[in-house]
C-alpha atoms as a PDB file:
ATOM      1  CA  MET A   1     -96.567 204.035  45.100  1.00  0.00           C
ATOM      2  CA  THR A   2     -98.631 201.626  47.228  1.00  0.00           C
ATOM      3  CA  ILE A   3     -96.815 200.763  50.110  1.00  0.00           C
ATOM      4  CA  PRO A   4     -97.611 197.144  51.248  1.00  0.00           C
ATOM      5  CA  ARG A   5    -100.034 196.449  54.119  1.00  0.00           C
ATOM      6  CA  ASP A   6     -97.821 194.197  56.040  1.00  0.00           C
ATOM      7  CA  ASP A   7     -94.973 196.662  56.669  1.00  0.00           C
ATOM      8  CA  LEU A   8     -91.115 195.352  56.901  1.00  0.00           C
ATOM      9  CA  THR A   9     -89.187 198.543  57.690  1.00  0.00           C
ATOM     10  CA  GLY A  10     -87.228 197.804  59.996  1.00  0.00           C
ATOM     11  CA  ARG A  11     -87.818 194.252  61.243  1.00  0.00           C
ATOM     12  CA  THR A  12     -84.014 192.251  60.513  1.00  0.00           C
ATOM     13  CA  PHE A  13     -83.937 189.107  58.519  1.00  0.00           C
ATOM     14  CA  GLY A  14     -80.668 187.118  59.079  1.00  0.00           C
ATOM     15  CA  SER A  15     -78.598 189.541  58.045  1.00  0.00           C
ATOM     16  CA  TRP A  16     -80.710 191.856  56.241  1.00  0.00           C
ATOM     17  CA  ALA A  17     -82.329 195.033  57.631  1.00  0.00           C
ATOM     18  CA  VAL A  18     -85.161 196.284  56.095  1.00  0.00           C
ATOM     19  CA  LEU A  19     -84.659 199.972  55.406  1.00  0.00           C
ATOM     20  CA  GLU A  20     -87.858 200.900  53.669  1.00  0.00           C
ATOM     21  CA  PHE A  21     -90.486 199.915  51.532  1.00  0.00           C
ATOM     22  CA  SER A  22     -88.678 200.340  47.825  1.00  0.00           C
ATOM     23  CA  HIS A  23     -91.082 199.593  44.956  1.00  0.00           C
ATOM     24  CA  ARG A  24     -92.692 197.067  42.935  1.00  0.00           C
ATOM     25  CA  ALA A  25     -91.656 194.572  40.148  1.00  0.00           C
ATOM     26  CA  ALA A  26     -93.531 194.084  36.746  1.00  0.00           C
ATOM     27  CA  ASN A  27     -95.552 191.243  38.394  1.00  0.00           C
ATOM     28  CA  ARG A  28     -96.114 193.480  41.569  1.00  0.00           C
ATOM     29  CA  ALA A  29     -93.965 191.997  43.819  1.00  0.00           C
ATOM     30  CA  ALA A  30     -93.068 194.107  46.567  1.00  0.00           C
ATOM     31  CA  LEU A  31     -89.310 194.609  46.950  1.00  0.00           C
ATOM     32  CA  TRP A  32     -87.785 196.274  50.221  1.00  0.00           C
ATOM     33  CA  SER A  33     -84.550 198.104  50.584  1.00  0.00           C
ATOM     34  CA  CYS A  34     -82.225 196.372  52.247  1.00  0.00           C
ATOM     35  CA  ARG A  35     -79.122 196.978  53.955  1.00  0.00           C
ATOM     36  CA  CYS A  36     -77.068 193.252  55.110  1.00  0.00           C
ATOM     37  CA  ALA A  37     -74.348 193.588  58.071  1.00  0.00           C
ATOM     38  CA  CYS A  38     -71.589 193.632  55.670  1.00  0.00           C
ATOM     39  CA  GLY A  39     -72.937 197.135  54.428  1.00  0.00           C
ATOM     40  CA  ALA A  40     -74.152 195.981  51.353  1.00  0.00           C
ATOM     41  CA  GLU A  41     -77.690 197.421  50.158  1.00  0.00           C
ATOM     42  CA  LYS A  42     -79.866 195.825  47.516  1.00  0.00           C
ATOM     43  CA  ALA A  43     -83.645 195.709  46.935  1.00  0.00           C
ATOM     44  CA  VAL A  44     -84.890 192.138  48.243  1.00  0.00           C
ATOM     45  CA  ARG A  45     -88.664 190.293  47.696  1.00  0.00           C
ATOM     46  CA  GLY A  46     -90.517 190.488  50.728  1.00  0.00           C
ATOM     47  CA  THR A  47     -91.541 187.490  49.991  1.00  0.00           C
ATOM     48  CA  ASP A  48     -87.915 185.994  49.655  1.00  0.00           C
ATOM     49  CA  LEU A  49     -87.363 187.903  53.447  1.00  0.00           C
ATOM     50  CA  THR A  50     -90.289 186.049  54.945  1.00  0.00           C
ATOM     51  CA  ARG A  51     -89.757 183.147  53.832  1.00  0.00           C
ATOM     52  CA  GLY A  52     -86.198 182.540  54.192  1.00  0.00           C
ATOM     53  CA  ARG A  53     -85.165 182.003  50.936  1.00  0.00           C
ATOM     54  CA  SER A  54     -82.828 185.655  51.087  1.00  0.00           C
ATOM     55  CA  THR A  55     -80.613 186.039  54.607  1.00  0.00           C
ATOM     56  CA  ARG A  56     -77.799 188.290  53.146  1.00  0.00           C
ATOM     57  CA  CYS A  57     -76.277 189.800  50.612  1.00  0.00           C
ATOM     58  CA  PRO A  58     -75.106 187.637  47.305  1.00  0.00           C
ATOM     59  CA  ASP A  59     -71.298 189.054  48.104  1.00  0.00           C
ATOM     60  CA  CYS A  60     -71.803 187.265  51.640  1.00  0.00           C
ATOM     61  CA  VAL A  61     -73.559 184.357  50.424  1.00  0.00           C
ATOM     62  CA  LYS A  62     -70.712 183.540  47.990  1.00  0.00           C
ATOM     63  CA  VAL A  63     -67.968 183.839  51.447  1.00  0.00           C
ATOM     64  CA  ALA A  64     -70.056 182.174  53.507  1.00  0.00           C
ATOM     65  CA  THR A  65     -70.313 178.643  51.295  1.00  0.00           C
ATOM     66  CA  GLY A  66     -66.610 179.068  50.810  1.00  0.00           C
ATOM     67  CA  ALA A  67     -63.819 176.820  52.733  1.00  0.00           C
ATOM     68  CA  HIS A  68     -65.083 177.516  56.500  1.00  0.00           C
ATOM     69  CA  GLY A  69     -66.904 180.012  55.536  1.00  0.00           C
ATOM     70  CA  ARG A  70     -69.918 179.552  57.703  1.00  0.00           C
ATOM     71  CA  LYS A  71     -68.003 179.031  60.733  1.00  0.00           C
ATOM     72  CA  LEU A  72     -66.238 182.547  60.113  1.00  0.00           C
ATOM     73  CA  TYR A  73     -69.540 183.941  59.126  1.00  0.00           C
ATOM     74  CA  LYS A  74     -70.514 182.589  62.631  1.00  0.00           C
ATOM     75  CA  VAL A  75     -68.105 184.217  63.883  1.00  0.00           C
ATOM     76  CA  TRP A  76     -68.256 187.732  62.682  1.00  0.00           C
ATOM     77  CA  HIS A  77     -71.460 187.827  63.351  1.00  0.00           C
ATOM     78  CA  ASN A  78     -71.138 187.057  67.146  1.00  0.00           C
ATOM     79  CA  ILE A  79     -67.900 189.904  67.403  1.00  0.00           C
ATOM     80  CA  ARG A  80     -70.527 192.676  65.468  1.00  0.00           C
ATOM     81  CA  GLN A  81     -73.355 191.839  68.070  1.00  0.00           C
ATOM     82  CA  ARG A  82     -71.584 191.816  71.731  1.00  0.00           C
ATOM     83  CA  CYS A  83     -69.925 194.999  70.426  1.00  0.00           C
ATOM     84  CA  GLU A  84     -72.593 197.105  68.698  1.00  0.00           C
ATOM     85  CA  ASN A  85     -75.845 195.397  70.277  1.00  0.00           C
ATOM     86  CA  PRO A  86     -76.277 196.807  73.500  1.00  0.00           C
ATOM     87  CA  GLU A  87     -79.278 193.421  74.203  1.00  0.00           C
ATOM     88  CA  HIS A  88     -76.291 190.905  73.724  1.00  0.00           C
ATOM     89  CA  ARG A  89     -75.234 189.297  77.017  1.00  0.00           C
ATOM     90  CA  ASP A  90     -71.728 190.123  76.381  1.00  0.00           C
ATOM     91  CA  TRP A  91     -72.763 193.732  75.520  1.00  0.00           C
ATOM     92  CA  SER A  92     -70.831 195.036  79.272  1.00  0.00           C
ATOM     93  CA  ARG A  93     -67.616 193.401  78.300  1.00  0.00           C
ATOM     94  CA  TYR A  94     -66.727 194.474  74.871  1.00  0.00           C
ATOM     95  CA  GLY A  95     -68.913 197.700  73.416  1.00  0.00           C
ATOM     96  CA  GLY A  96     -69.662 198.557  76.621  1.00  0.00           C
ATOM     97  CA  ARG A  97     -66.600 199.125  77.677  1.00  0.00           C
ATOM     98  CA  GLY A  98     -65.459 200.841  74.247  1.00  0.00           C
ATOM     99  CA  ILE A  99     -64.492 197.700  72.195  1.00  0.00           C
ATOM    100  CA  ARG A 100     -65.226 198.203  68.485  1.00  0.00           C
ATOM    101  CA  VAL A 101     -64.826 196.547  65.011  1.00  0.00           C
ATOM    102  CA  CYS A 102     -62.561 198.309  62.975  1.00  0.00           C
ATOM    103  CA  GLU A 103     -64.312 200.305  59.395  1.00  0.00           C
ATOM    104  CA  ARG A 104     -62.886 197.272  57.402  1.00  0.00           C
ATOM    105  CA  TRP A 105     -64.463 194.470  59.252  1.00  0.00           C
ATOM    106  CA  GLN A 106     -67.669 196.204  58.937  1.00  0.00           C
ATOM    107  CA  GLN A 107     -67.782 194.115  55.990  1.00  0.00           C
ATOM    108  CA  PHE A 108     -67.461 190.129  55.852  1.00  0.00           C
ATOM    109  CA  VAL A 109     -65.589 189.825  53.180  1.00  0.00           C
ATOM    110  CA  ASN A 110     -62.985 191.700  54.544  1.00  0.00           C
ATOM    111  CA  PHE A 111     -62.670 189.843  57.694  1.00  0.00           C
ATOM    112  CA  HIS A 112     -62.796 186.745  55.942  1.00  0.00           C
ATOM    113  CA  ALA A 113     -59.953 187.808  53.297  1.00  0.00           C
ATOM    114  CA  ASP A 114     -57.919 188.386  56.245  1.00  0.00           C
ATOM    115  CA  MET A 115     -58.845 185.483  59.125  1.00  0.00           C
ATOM    116  CA  ALA A 116     -59.531 182.876  56.665  1.00  0.00           C
ATOM    117  CA  PRO A 117     -56.344 181.729  55.549  1.00  0.00           C
ATOM    118  CA  ALA A 118     -54.629 180.968  59.148  1.00  0.00           C
ATOM    119  CA  TYR A 119     -57.954 179.923  60.450  1.00  0.00           C
ATOM    120  CA  ARG A 120     -57.774 176.153  61.608  1.00  0.00           C
ATOM    121  CA  ALA A 121     -60.950 174.033  63.268  1.00  0.00           C
ATOM    122  CA  GLY A 122     -61.079 175.013  67.321  1.00  0.00           C
ATOM    123  CA  LEU A 123     -59.575 178.033  67.313  1.00  0.00           C
ATOM    124  CA  THR A 124     -60.880 181.430  68.128  1.00  0.00           C
ATOM    125  CA  VAL A 125     -59.691 185.068  67.570  1.00  0.00           C
ATOM    126  CA  GLU A 126     -57.782 186.745  70.465  1.00  0.00           C
ATOM    127  CA  ARG A 127     -57.360 190.272  70.766  1.00  0.00           C
ATOM    128  CA  THR A 128     -53.541 190.799  71.367  1.00  0.00           C
ATOM    129  CA  ASP A 129     -54.344 193.933  73.196  1.00  0.00           C
ATOM    130  CA  ASN A 130     -57.328 193.064  75.201  1.00  0.00           C
ATOM    131  CA  ASP A 131     -58.627 196.804  75.557  1.00  0.00           C
ATOM    132  CA  GLY A 132     -58.384 196.844  71.424  1.00  0.00           C
ATOM    133  CA  PRO A 133     -60.086 197.122  68.627  1.00  0.00           C
ATOM    134  CA  TYR A 134     -61.200 194.096  66.546  1.00  0.00           C
ATOM    135  CA  SER A 135     -59.118 194.678  63.532  1.00  0.00           C
ATOM    136  CA  PRO A 136     -56.318 192.694  61.441  1.00  0.00           C
ATOM    137  CA  ASP A 137     -53.606 194.355  63.121  1.00  0.00           C
ATOM    138  CA  ASN A 138     -54.926 193.353  66.634  1.00  0.00           C
ATOM    139  CA  CYS A 139     -55.924 190.052  65.934  1.00  0.00           C
ATOM    140  CA  ARG A 140     -54.829 186.780  65.696  1.00  0.00           C
ATOM    141  CA  TRP A 141     -56.278 183.010  65.766  1.00  0.00           C
ATOM    142  CA  ALA A 142     -55.541 180.970  69.242  1.00  0.00           C
ATOM    143  CA  THR A 143     -56.785 178.069  70.726  1.00  0.00           C
ATOM    144  CA  ARG A 144     -59.090 178.555  74.300  1.00  0.00           C
ATOM    145  CA  THR A 145     -56.511 178.167  76.434  1.00  0.00           C
ATOM    146  CA  GLU A 146     -54.309 180.847  75.134  1.00  0.00           C
ATOM    147  CA  GLN A 147     -56.979 183.033  74.865  1.00  0.00           C
ATOM    148  CA  SER A 148     -57.397 182.194  78.671  1.00  0.00           C
ATOM    149  CA  ARG A 149     -54.035 183.974  79.013  1.00  0.00           C
ATOM    150  CA  ASN A 150     -55.516 187.350  77.518  1.00  0.00           C
ATOM    151  CA  ARG A 151     -59.055 187.750  79.803  1.00  0.00           C
ATOM    152  CA  ARG A 152     -59.052 190.059  82.199  1.00  0.00           C
ATOM    153  CA  ASN A 153     -61.163 187.476  84.123  1.00  0.00           C
ATOM    154  CA  SER A 154     -58.490 184.331  84.260  1.00  0.00           C
ATOM    155  CA  GLN A 155     -58.200 182.814  86.842  1.00  0.00           C
ATOM    156  CA  PHE A 156     -54.707 181.730  87.828  1.00  0.00           C
ATOM    157  CA  ALA A 157     -52.499 179.281  89.899  1.00  0.00           C
ATOM    158  CA  THR A 158     -49.772 178.565  91.350  1.00  0.00           C
ATOM    159  CA  LEU A 159     -47.970 174.928  91.544  1.00  0.00           C
ATOM    160  CA  TYR A 160     -44.096 174.136  92.315  1.00  0.00           C
ATOM    161  CA  GLY A 161     -43.216 177.962  91.226  1.00  0.00           C
ATOM    162  CA  ARG A 162     -45.095 177.676  88.048  1.00  0.00           C
ATOM    163  CA  THR A 163     -48.460 180.317  87.595  1.00  0.00           C
ATOM    164  CA  ALA A 164     -50.400 179.941  84.973  1.00  0.00           C
ATOM    165  CA  PRO A 165     -54.684 180.336  83.946  1.00  0.00           C
ATOM    166  CA  VAL A 166     -56.793 177.455  85.361  1.00  0.00           C
ATOM    167  CA  ALA A 167     -57.548 176.854  81.942  1.00  0.00           C
ATOM    168  CA  GLU A 168     -53.750 175.855  81.287  1.00  0.00           C
ATOM    169  CA  TRP A 169     -53.643 173.903  84.105  1.00  0.00           C
ATOM    170  CA  ALA A 170     -56.954 171.821  83.214  1.00  0.00           C
ATOM    171  CA  GLU A 171     -55.051 170.847  79.422  1.00  0.00           C
ATOM    172  CA  LEU A 172     -51.840 170.139  81.268  1.00  0.00           C
ATOM    173  CA  LEU A 173     -53.267 168.189  83.968  1.00  0.00           C
ATOM    174  CA  GLY A 174     -55.787 166.076  82.220  1.00  0.00           C
ATOM    175  CA  LEU A 175     -58.726 167.706  84.259  1.00  0.00           C
ATOM    176  CA  GLU A 176     -61.443 169.806  83.697  1.00  0.00           C
ATOM    177  CA  ALA A 177     -60.895 173.622  84.193  1.00  0.00           C
ATOM    178  CA  GLY A 178     -64.504 173.741  85.721  1.00  0.00           C
ATOM    179  CA  VAL A 179     -63.788 171.294  88.237  1.00  0.00           C
ATOM    180  CA  ILE A 180     -60.439 173.233  89.343  1.00  0.00           C
ATOM    181  CA  ARG A 181     -62.350 175.985  89.342  1.00  0.00           C
ATOM    182  CA  ASP A 182     -65.235 174.832  92.045  1.00  0.00           C
ATOM    183  CA  ARG A 183     -62.383 173.295  94.024  1.00  0.00           C
ATOM    184  CA  LEU A 184     -61.309 176.244  94.607  1.00  0.00           C
ATOM    185  CA  ASN A 185     -63.878 178.681  94.445  1.00  0.00           C
ATOM    186  CA  LYS A 186     -66.617 176.633  96.184  1.00  0.00           C
ATOM    187  CA  LEU A 187     -65.051 174.166  98.348  1.00  0.00           C
ATOM    188  CA  GLY A 188     -61.942 176.115  99.484  1.00  0.00           C
ATOM    189  CA  TRP A 189     -59.186 173.860  98.342  1.00  0.00           C
ATOM    190  CA  PRO A 190     -55.917 174.517  98.631  1.00  0.00           C
ATOM    191  CA  VAL A 191     -54.125 174.913  95.054  1.00  0.00           C
ATOM    192  CA  GLU A 192     -52.021 172.215  95.572  1.00  0.00           C
ATOM    193  CA  ARG A 193     -54.774 170.136  96.450  1.00  0.00           C
ATOM    194  CA  ALA A 194     -57.029 171.026  93.644  1.00  0.00           C
ATOM    195  CA  LEU A 195     -54.167 170.616  90.861  1.00  0.00           C
ATOM    196  CA  THR A 196     -53.236 167.698  91.564  1.00  0.00           C
ATOM    197  CA  THR A 197     -56.492 165.498  92.901  1.00  0.00           C
ATOM    198  CA  GLY A 198     -57.086 162.697  89.484  1.00  0.00           C
ATOM    199  CA  ALA A 199     -54.265 165.049  87.869  1.00  0.00           C
ATOM    200  CA  ASN A 200     -51.801 163.009  84.927  1.00  0.00           C
ATOM    201  CA  PRO A 201     -49.298 161.406  87.906  1.00  0.00           C
ATOM    202  CA  ASN A 202     -46.364 161.436  84.801  1.00  0.00           C
ATOM    203  CA  VAL A 203     -47.106 165.111  84.351  1.00  0.00           C
ATOM    204  CA  LEU A 204     -46.829 165.963  88.091  1.00  0.00           C
ATOM    205  CA  ALA A 205     -43.582 163.975  88.513  1.00  0.00           C
ATOM    206  CA  CYS A 206     -42.461 165.750  85.901  1.00  0.00           C
ATOM    207  CA  LEU A 207     -43.493 169.636  87.190  1.00  0.00           C
ATOM    208  CA  ALA A 208     -42.143 168.311  90.729  1.00  0.00           C
ATOM    209  CA  LYS A 209     -38.776 168.131  89.085  1.00  0.00           C
ATOM    210  CA  SER A 210     -39.112 171.431  87.472  1.00  0.00           C
ATOM    211  CA  THR A 211     -37.358 173.443  90.092  1.00  0.00           C
ATOM    212  CA  ASP A 212     -34.324 170.893  89.976  1.00  0.00           C
ATOM    213  CA  ALA A 213     -31.127 172.282  88.323  1.00  0.00           C
ATOM    214  CA  GLY A 214     -30.716 170.988  84.600  1.00  0.00           C
ATOM    215  CA  HIS A 215     -34.428 169.925  84.399  1.00  0.00           C
ATOM    216  CA  ARG A 216     -35.482 170.057  80.816  1.00  0.00           C
ATOM    217  CA  CYS A 217     -38.576 169.271  79.033  1.00  0.00           C
ATOM    218  CA  PRO A 218     -41.213 169.886  77.194  1.00  0.00           C
ATOM    219  CA  VAL A 219     -43.843 169.766  79.829  1.00  0.00           C
ATOM    220  CA  CYS A 220     -41.902 171.976  82.245  1.00  0.00           C
ATOM    221  CA  ALA A 221     -40.632 174.782  79.205  1.00  0.00           C
END
């Protein structure tokens, strides 16, 4: 069996990782044994790999082209990268400190089956136990503000007796979270000034009343 001059062993093409040369088809086309990121293995034509015609297994293609498929595939791929790839920029905060992807979610089709029904645009995956794995029983969809409450490095601030992450204050007051952080960390502003300057006056007025006995409203709940 003649191995092609252009050895693809060890290379990656999309979600495919080339394991080894497999065989030649009847028309002499070179086929390579590949493993998809979901774990499925298949012999793929070398030209389909190098020309971008095949980037993942048929099952992943089918799921990824369904409802929210492309978005969820990207989410799943990023989760695996930061947990399993030491070269990923966020490795130290995930795989580097022991965060793993459960065996079931090694396959995208399972991740999609578990998470797609509850997905809505703008949501991100949150782990209930921030030190636990990415698994069906430890993950849910959350807004970025909700997720900020669970981050190890979240910055909190207190105003009118209420303590919340900066991201939550930003959403509530109509400010940018980055602006609030700069005021607190770079400019050294007092918390009250950092949170109230340029904030929604109606929300501030309501928050100021939140310490009054009997005051009830959705903002101050």
